[in-house]
Amino acid sequence: MGNNFEKEIAEIRKGIELAKRLREQALARKELLENQLQEIENEIRRLGVEPERLEEELARLEKEIARAIAEARELIPWDLIEKYSAGGNERRGRED
């Protein structure tokens, strides 16, 4: 009967050691990820944006890009390109 307890205790000790190792690995991974997060946040700040406002800034930049693309399209003389090109193929792929 005592033998069964010894086996169970040994198994529990083994489980505790494995759990300790897993915890240490998790803590090391957490530290690594926290350092990476800090580096990313520092880079975002270096670019002139607070990390909390990143989504807002990305939305603003997307609008600015869309506006610039629309403006560039307006400056291209599509009518002349169609008139003087072979069949107007250069206009393909253009979004109206």
N, C-alpha and C. Protein backbone atom coordinates (compact mmCIF):
# COMPACT_ATOMS: atom_id res chain seq x y z
N MET A 1 0.81 -1.19 0.00
CA MET A 1 0.00 0.00 0.00
C MET A 1 0.86 1.27 0.00
N GLY A 2 1.92 1.27 0.79
CA GLY A 2 2.83 2.40 0.84
C GLY A 2 3.47 2.68 -0.51
N ASN A 3 3.65 1.60 -1.28
CA ASN A 3 4.26 1.72 -2.60
C ASN A 3 3.41 2.57 -3.54
N ASN A 4 2.09 2.40 -3.47
CA ASN A 4 1.20 3.19 -4.31
C ASN A 4 1.30 4.68 -4.00
N PHE A 5 1.41 5.00 -2.70
CA PHE A 5 1.54 6.40 -2.32
C PHE A 5 2.84 6.99 -2.84
N GLU A 6 3.90 6.18 -2.76
CA GLU A 6 5.19 6.65 -3.25
C GLU A 6 5.14 6.94 -4.74
N LYS A 7 4.48 6.06 -5.49
CA LYS A 7 4.34 6.28 -6.94
C LYS A 7 3.53 7.55 -7.21
N GLU A 8 2.45 7.71 -6.46
CA GLU A 8 1.61 8.89 -6.66
C GLU A 8 2.35 10.17 -6.29
N ILE A 9 3.09 10.12 -5.19
CA ILE A 9 3.87 11.28 -4.77
C ILE A 9 4.94 11.60 -5.82
N ALA A 10 5.61 10.57 -6.34
CA ALA A 10 6.62 10.77 -7.38
C ALA A 10 5.99 11.39 -8.62
N GLU A 11 4.80 10.91 -8.97
CA GLU A 11 4.10 11.45 -10.14
C GLU A 11 3.70 12.91 -9.92
N ILE A 12 3.25 13.21 -8.72
CA ILE A 12 2.88 14.59 -8.39
C ILE A 12 4.10 15.50 -8.45
N ARG A 13 5.24 15.02 -7.89
CA ARG A 13 6.48 15.81 -7.95
C ARG A 13 6.89 16.08 -9.39
N LYS A 14 6.78 15.04 -10.21
CA LYS A 14 7.13 15.19 -11.63
C LYS A 14 6.20 16.23 -12.28
N GLY A 15 4.92 16.16 -11.96
CA GLY A 15 3.97 17.13 -12.49
C GLY A 15 4.28 18.55 -12.05
N ILE A 16 4.68 18.69 -10.80
CA ILE A 16 5.04 20.01 -10.27
C ILE A 16 6.26 20.56 -11.01
N GLU A 17 7.27 19.72 -11.22
CA GLU A 17 8.48 20.15 -11.93
C GLU A 17 8.15 20.57 -13.37
N LEU A 18 7.31 19.75 -14.03
CA LEU A 18 6.91 20.11 -15.40
C LEU A 18 6.14 21.43 -15.42
N ALA A 19 5.26 21.61 -14.45
CA ALA A 19 4.49 22.85 -14.37
C ALA A 19 5.40 24.05 -14.12
N LYS A 20 6.43 23.86 -13.27
CA LYS A 20 7.40 24.94 -13.02
C LYS A 20 8.13 25.32 -14.30
N ARG A 21 8.56 24.30 -15.06
CA ARG A 21 9.25 24.57 -16.33
C ARG A 21 8.35 25.32 -17.31
N LEU A 22 7.11 24.85 -17.40
CA LEU A 22 6.16 25.53 -18.29
C LEU A 22 5.94 26.98 -17.86
N ARG A 23 5.85 27.20 -16.56
CA ARG A 23 5.66 28.56 -16.05
C ARG A 23 6.86 29.42 -16.41
N GLU A 24 8.07 28.89 -16.21
CA GLU A 24 9.29 29.64 -16.54
C GLU A 24 9.33 29.98 -18.03
N GLN A 25 8.97 29.01 -18.87
CA GLN A 25 8.93 29.26 -20.31
C GLN A 25 7.90 30.34 -20.65
N ALA A 26 6.74 30.26 -20.01
CA ALA A 26 5.69 31.24 -20.27
C ALA A 26 6.13 32.64 -19.83
N LEU A 27 6.79 32.72 -18.68
CA LEU A 27 7.27 34.02 -18.20
C LEU A 27 8.34 34.59 -19.14
N ALA A 28 9.23 33.74 -19.63
CA ALA A 28 10.25 34.19 -20.56
C ALA A 28 9.61 34.68 -21.86
N ARG A 29 8.62 33.95 -22.35
CA ARG A 29 7.91 34.35 -23.57
C ARG A 29 7.16 35.66 -23.35
N LYS A 30 6.54 35.80 -22.19
CA LYS A 30 5.82 37.03 -21.86
C LYS A 30 6.78 38.22 -21.87
N GLU A 31 7.94 38.05 -21.25
CA GLU A 31 8.94 39.12 -21.21
C GLU A 31 9.39 39.49 -22.63
N LEU A 32 9.63 38.50 -23.46
CA LEU A 32 10.03 38.74 -24.84
C LEU A 32 8.95 39.53 -25.58
N LEU A 33 7.70 39.11 -25.44
CA LEU A 33 6.60 39.79 -26.12
C LEU A 33 6.39 41.21 -25.60
N GLU A 34 6.56 41.40 -24.29
CA GLU A 34 6.44 42.75 -23.73
C GLU A 34 7.54 43.66 -24.27
N ASN A 35 8.76 43.12 -24.42
CA ASN A 35 9.86 43.91 -24.99
C ASN A 35 9.57 44.26 -26.45
N GLN A 36 9.05 43.30 -27.21
CA GLN A 36 8.70 43.57 -28.60
C GLN A 36 7.62 44.63 -28.69
N LEU A 37 6.62 44.54 -27.83
CA LEU A 37 5.55 45.54 -27.81
C LEU A 37 6.12 46.92 -27.52
N GLN A 38 7.01 47.00 -26.56
CA GLN A 38 7.63 48.29 -26.22
C GLN A 38 8.41 48.85 -27.40
N GLU A 39 9.16 47.99 -28.10
CA GLU A 39 9.91 48.43 -29.27
C GLU A 39 8.97 48.95 -30.36
N ILE A 40 7.88 48.25 -30.59
CA ILE A 40 6.91 48.67 -31.61
C ILE A 40 6.28 50.01 -31.22
N GLU A 41 5.89 50.13 -29.95
CA GLU A 41 5.30 51.39 -29.49
C GLU A 41 6.30 52.54 -29.61
N ASN A 42 7.56 52.29 -29.30
CA ASN A 42 8.59 53.32 -29.44
C ASN A 42 8.75 53.73 -30.90
N GLU A 43 8.72 52.77 -31.80
CA GLU A 43 8.84 53.07 -33.23
C GLU A 43 7.64 53.89 -33.71
N ILE A 44 6.45 53.55 -33.25
CA ILE A 44 5.25 54.31 -33.61
C ILE A 44 5.39 55.75 -33.11
N ARG A 45 5.85 55.92 -31.88
CA ARG A 45 6.06 57.27 -31.34
C ARG A 45 7.12 58.01 -32.14
N ARG A 46 8.17 57.30 -32.54
CA ARG A 46 9.23 57.92 -33.35
C ARG A 46 8.67 58.46 -34.65
N LEU A 47 7.63 57.80 -35.16
CA LEU A 47 6.99 58.24 -36.39
C LEU A 47 5.98 59.36 -36.15
N GLY A 48 5.86 59.78 -34.90
CA GLY A 48 5.02 60.93 -34.59
C GLY A 48 3.57 60.62 -34.24
N VAL A 49 3.30 59.39 -33.86
CA VAL A 49 1.93 58.99 -33.53
C VAL A 49 1.94 58.30 -32.17
N GLU A 50 0.96 58.64 -31.36
CA GLU A 50 0.79 57.92 -30.10
C GLU A 50 0.13 56.57 -30.40
N PRO A 51 0.63 55.48 -29.83
CA PRO A 51 0.06 54.16 -30.11
C PRO A 51 -1.45 54.07 -29.91
N GLU A 52 -1.97 54.83 -28.94
CA GLU A 52 -3.42 54.79 -28.69
C GLU A 52 -4.21 55.38 -29.85
N ARG A 53 -3.56 56.21 -30.68
CA ARG A 53 -4.25 56.89 -31.78
C ARG A 53 -3.89 56.26 -33.13
N LEU A 54 -3.28 55.10 -33.11
CA LEU A 54 -2.80 54.47 -34.34
C LEU A 54 -3.93 54.18 -35.32
N GLU A 55 -5.03 53.60 -34.86
CA GLU A 55 -6.16 53.29 -35.75
C GLU A 55 -6.69 54.55 -36.40
N GLU A 56 -6.83 55.60 -35.62
CA GLU A 56 -7.31 56.89 -36.13
C GLU A 56 -6.36 57.43 -37.20
N GLU A 57 -5.07 57.35 -36.93
CA GLU A 57 -4.07 57.85 -37.89
C GLU A 57 -4.08 57.03 -39.17
N LEU A 58 -4.21 55.71 -39.05
CA LEU A 58 -4.27 54.87 -40.24
C LEU A 58 -5.49 55.21 -41.09
N ALA A 59 -6.63 55.45 -40.46
CA ALA A 59 -7.85 55.83 -41.19
C ALA A 59 -7.64 57.16 -41.90
N ARG A 60 -6.99 58.11 -41.23
CA ARG A 60 -6.72 59.42 -41.84
C ARG A 60 -5.81 59.26 -43.05
N LEU A 61 -4.78 58.45 -42.92
CA LEU A 61 -3.85 58.24 -44.02
C LEU A 61 -4.52 57.54 -45.20
N GLU A 62 -5.39 56.57 -44.93
CA GLU A 62 -6.12 55.90 -46.01
C GLU A 62 -6.98 56.89 -46.78
N LYS A 63 -7.64 57.80 -46.08
CA LYS A 63 -8.44 58.84 -46.75
C LYS A 63 -7.56 59.74 -47.59
N GLU A 64 -6.41 60.11 -47.04
CA GLU A 64 -5.48 60.98 -47.76
C GLU A 64 -4.96 60.29 -49.03
N ILE A 65 -4.65 59.02 -48.93
CA ILE A 65 -4.18 58.26 -50.10
C ILE A 65 -5.27 58.18 -51.16
N ALA A 66 -6.49 57.88 -50.73
CA ALA A 66 -7.61 57.79 -51.68
C ALA A 66 -7.83 59.12 -52.37
N ARG A 67 -7.74 60.22 -51.62
CA ARG A 67 -7.90 61.55 -52.20
C ARG A 67 -6.79 61.84 -53.22
N ALA A 68 -5.56 61.49 -52.87
CA ALA A 68 -4.43 61.73 -53.77
C ALA A 68 -4.55 60.90 -55.05
N ILE A 69 -5.02 59.66 -54.93
CA ILE A 69 -5.22 58.82 -56.12
C ILE A 69 -6.29 59.41 -57.00
N ALA A 70 -7.40 59.84 -56.40
CA ALA A 70 -8.49 60.45 -57.17
C ALA A 70 -8.00 61.71 -57.88
N GLU A 71 -7.22 62.51 -57.18
CA GLU A 71 -6.68 63.73 -57.77
C GLU A 71 -5.74 63.41 -58.93
N ALA A 72 -4.90 62.40 -58.77
CA ALA A 72 -3.98 62.01 -59.84
C ALA A 72 -4.75 61.53 -61.06
N ARG A 73 -5.81 60.76 -60.84
CA ARG A 73 -6.63 60.27 -61.97
C ARG A 73 -7.27 61.43 -62.72
N GLU A 74 -7.69 62.46 -61.99
CA GLU A 74 -8.30 63.62 -62.63
C GLU A 74 -7.30 64.37 -63.50
N LEU A 75 -6.04 64.31 -63.16
CA LEU A 75 -5.01 65.03 -63.91
C LEU A 75 -4.58 64.31 -65.18
N ILE A 76 -4.91 63.05 -65.30
CA ILE A 76 -4.53 62.28 -66.49
C ILE A 76 -5.54 62.56 -67.60
N PRO A 77 -5.06 62.94 -68.78
CA PRO A 77 -5.98 63.25 -69.90
C PRO A 77 -6.48 61.98 -70.58
N TRP A 78 -7.40 61.28 -69.91
CA TRP A 78 -7.88 60.00 -70.43
C TRP A 78 -8.50 60.14 -71.82
N ASP A 79 -9.18 61.26 -72.07
CA ASP A 79 -9.81 61.44 -73.37
C ASP A 79 -8.77 61.50 -74.48
N LEU A 80 -7.66 62.20 -74.24
CA LEU A 80 -6.59 62.27 -75.24
C LEU A 80 -5.89 60.92 -75.40
N ILE A 81 -5.71 60.22 -74.31
CA ILE A 81 -5.08 58.90 -74.37
C ILE A 81 -5.93 57.97 -75.23
N GLU A 82 -7.23 57.99 -75.00
CA GLU A 82 -8.13 57.14 -75.81
C GLU A 82 -8.09 57.56 -77.27
N LYS A 83 -8.10 58.85 -77.51
CA LYS A 83 -8.16 59.36 -78.88
C LYS A 83 -6.90 58.99 -79.67
N TYR A 84 -5.74 59.10 -79.05
CA TYR A 84 -4.49 58.93 -79.79
C TYR A 84 -3.78 57.59 -79.56
N SER A 85 -4.34 56.74 -78.76
CA SER A 85 -3.71 55.44 -78.56
C SER A 85 -4.38 54.41 -79.46
N ALA A 86 -3.72 53.28 -79.61
CA ALA A 86 -4.25 52.22 -80.48
C ALA A 86 -5.39 51.52 -79.76
N GLY A 87 -6.60 51.93 -80.03
CA GLY A 87 -7.78 51.26 -79.47
C GLY A 87 -8.08 51.61 -78.03
N GLY A 88 -7.33 52.51 -77.43
CA GLY A 88 -7.61 52.92 -76.06
C GLY A 88 -7.27 51.88 -75.01
N ASN A 89 -6.39 50.93 -75.33
CA ASN A 89 -6.05 49.86 -74.39
C ASN A 89 -5.39 50.37 -73.11
N GLU A 90 -4.75 51.54 -73.19
CA GLU A 90 -4.06 52.06 -72.02
C GLU A 90 -5.03 52.41 -70.90
N ARG A 91 -6.29 52.59 -71.25
CA ARG A 91 -7.28 52.97 -70.25
C ARG A 91 -7.77 51.77 -69.44
N ARG A 92 -7.52 50.58 -69.89
CA ARG A 92 -7.98 49.39 -69.17
C ARG A 92 -7.40 49.37 -67.77
N GLY A 93 -8.19 48.87 -66.86
CA GLY A 93 -7.74 48.80 -65.48
C GLY A 93 -8.02 50.07 -64.72
N ARG A 94 -8.48 51.10 -65.41
CA ARG A 94 -8.79 52.36 -64.75
C ARG A 94 -10.12 52.24 -64.05
N GLU A 95 -10.16 52.72 -62.81
CA GLU A 95 -11.42 52.71 -62.07
C GLU A 95 -12.11 54.03 -62.27
N ASP A 96 -13.38 53.99 -62.65
CA ASP A 96 -14.15 55.24 -62.78
C ASP A 96 -14.99 55.47 -61.57
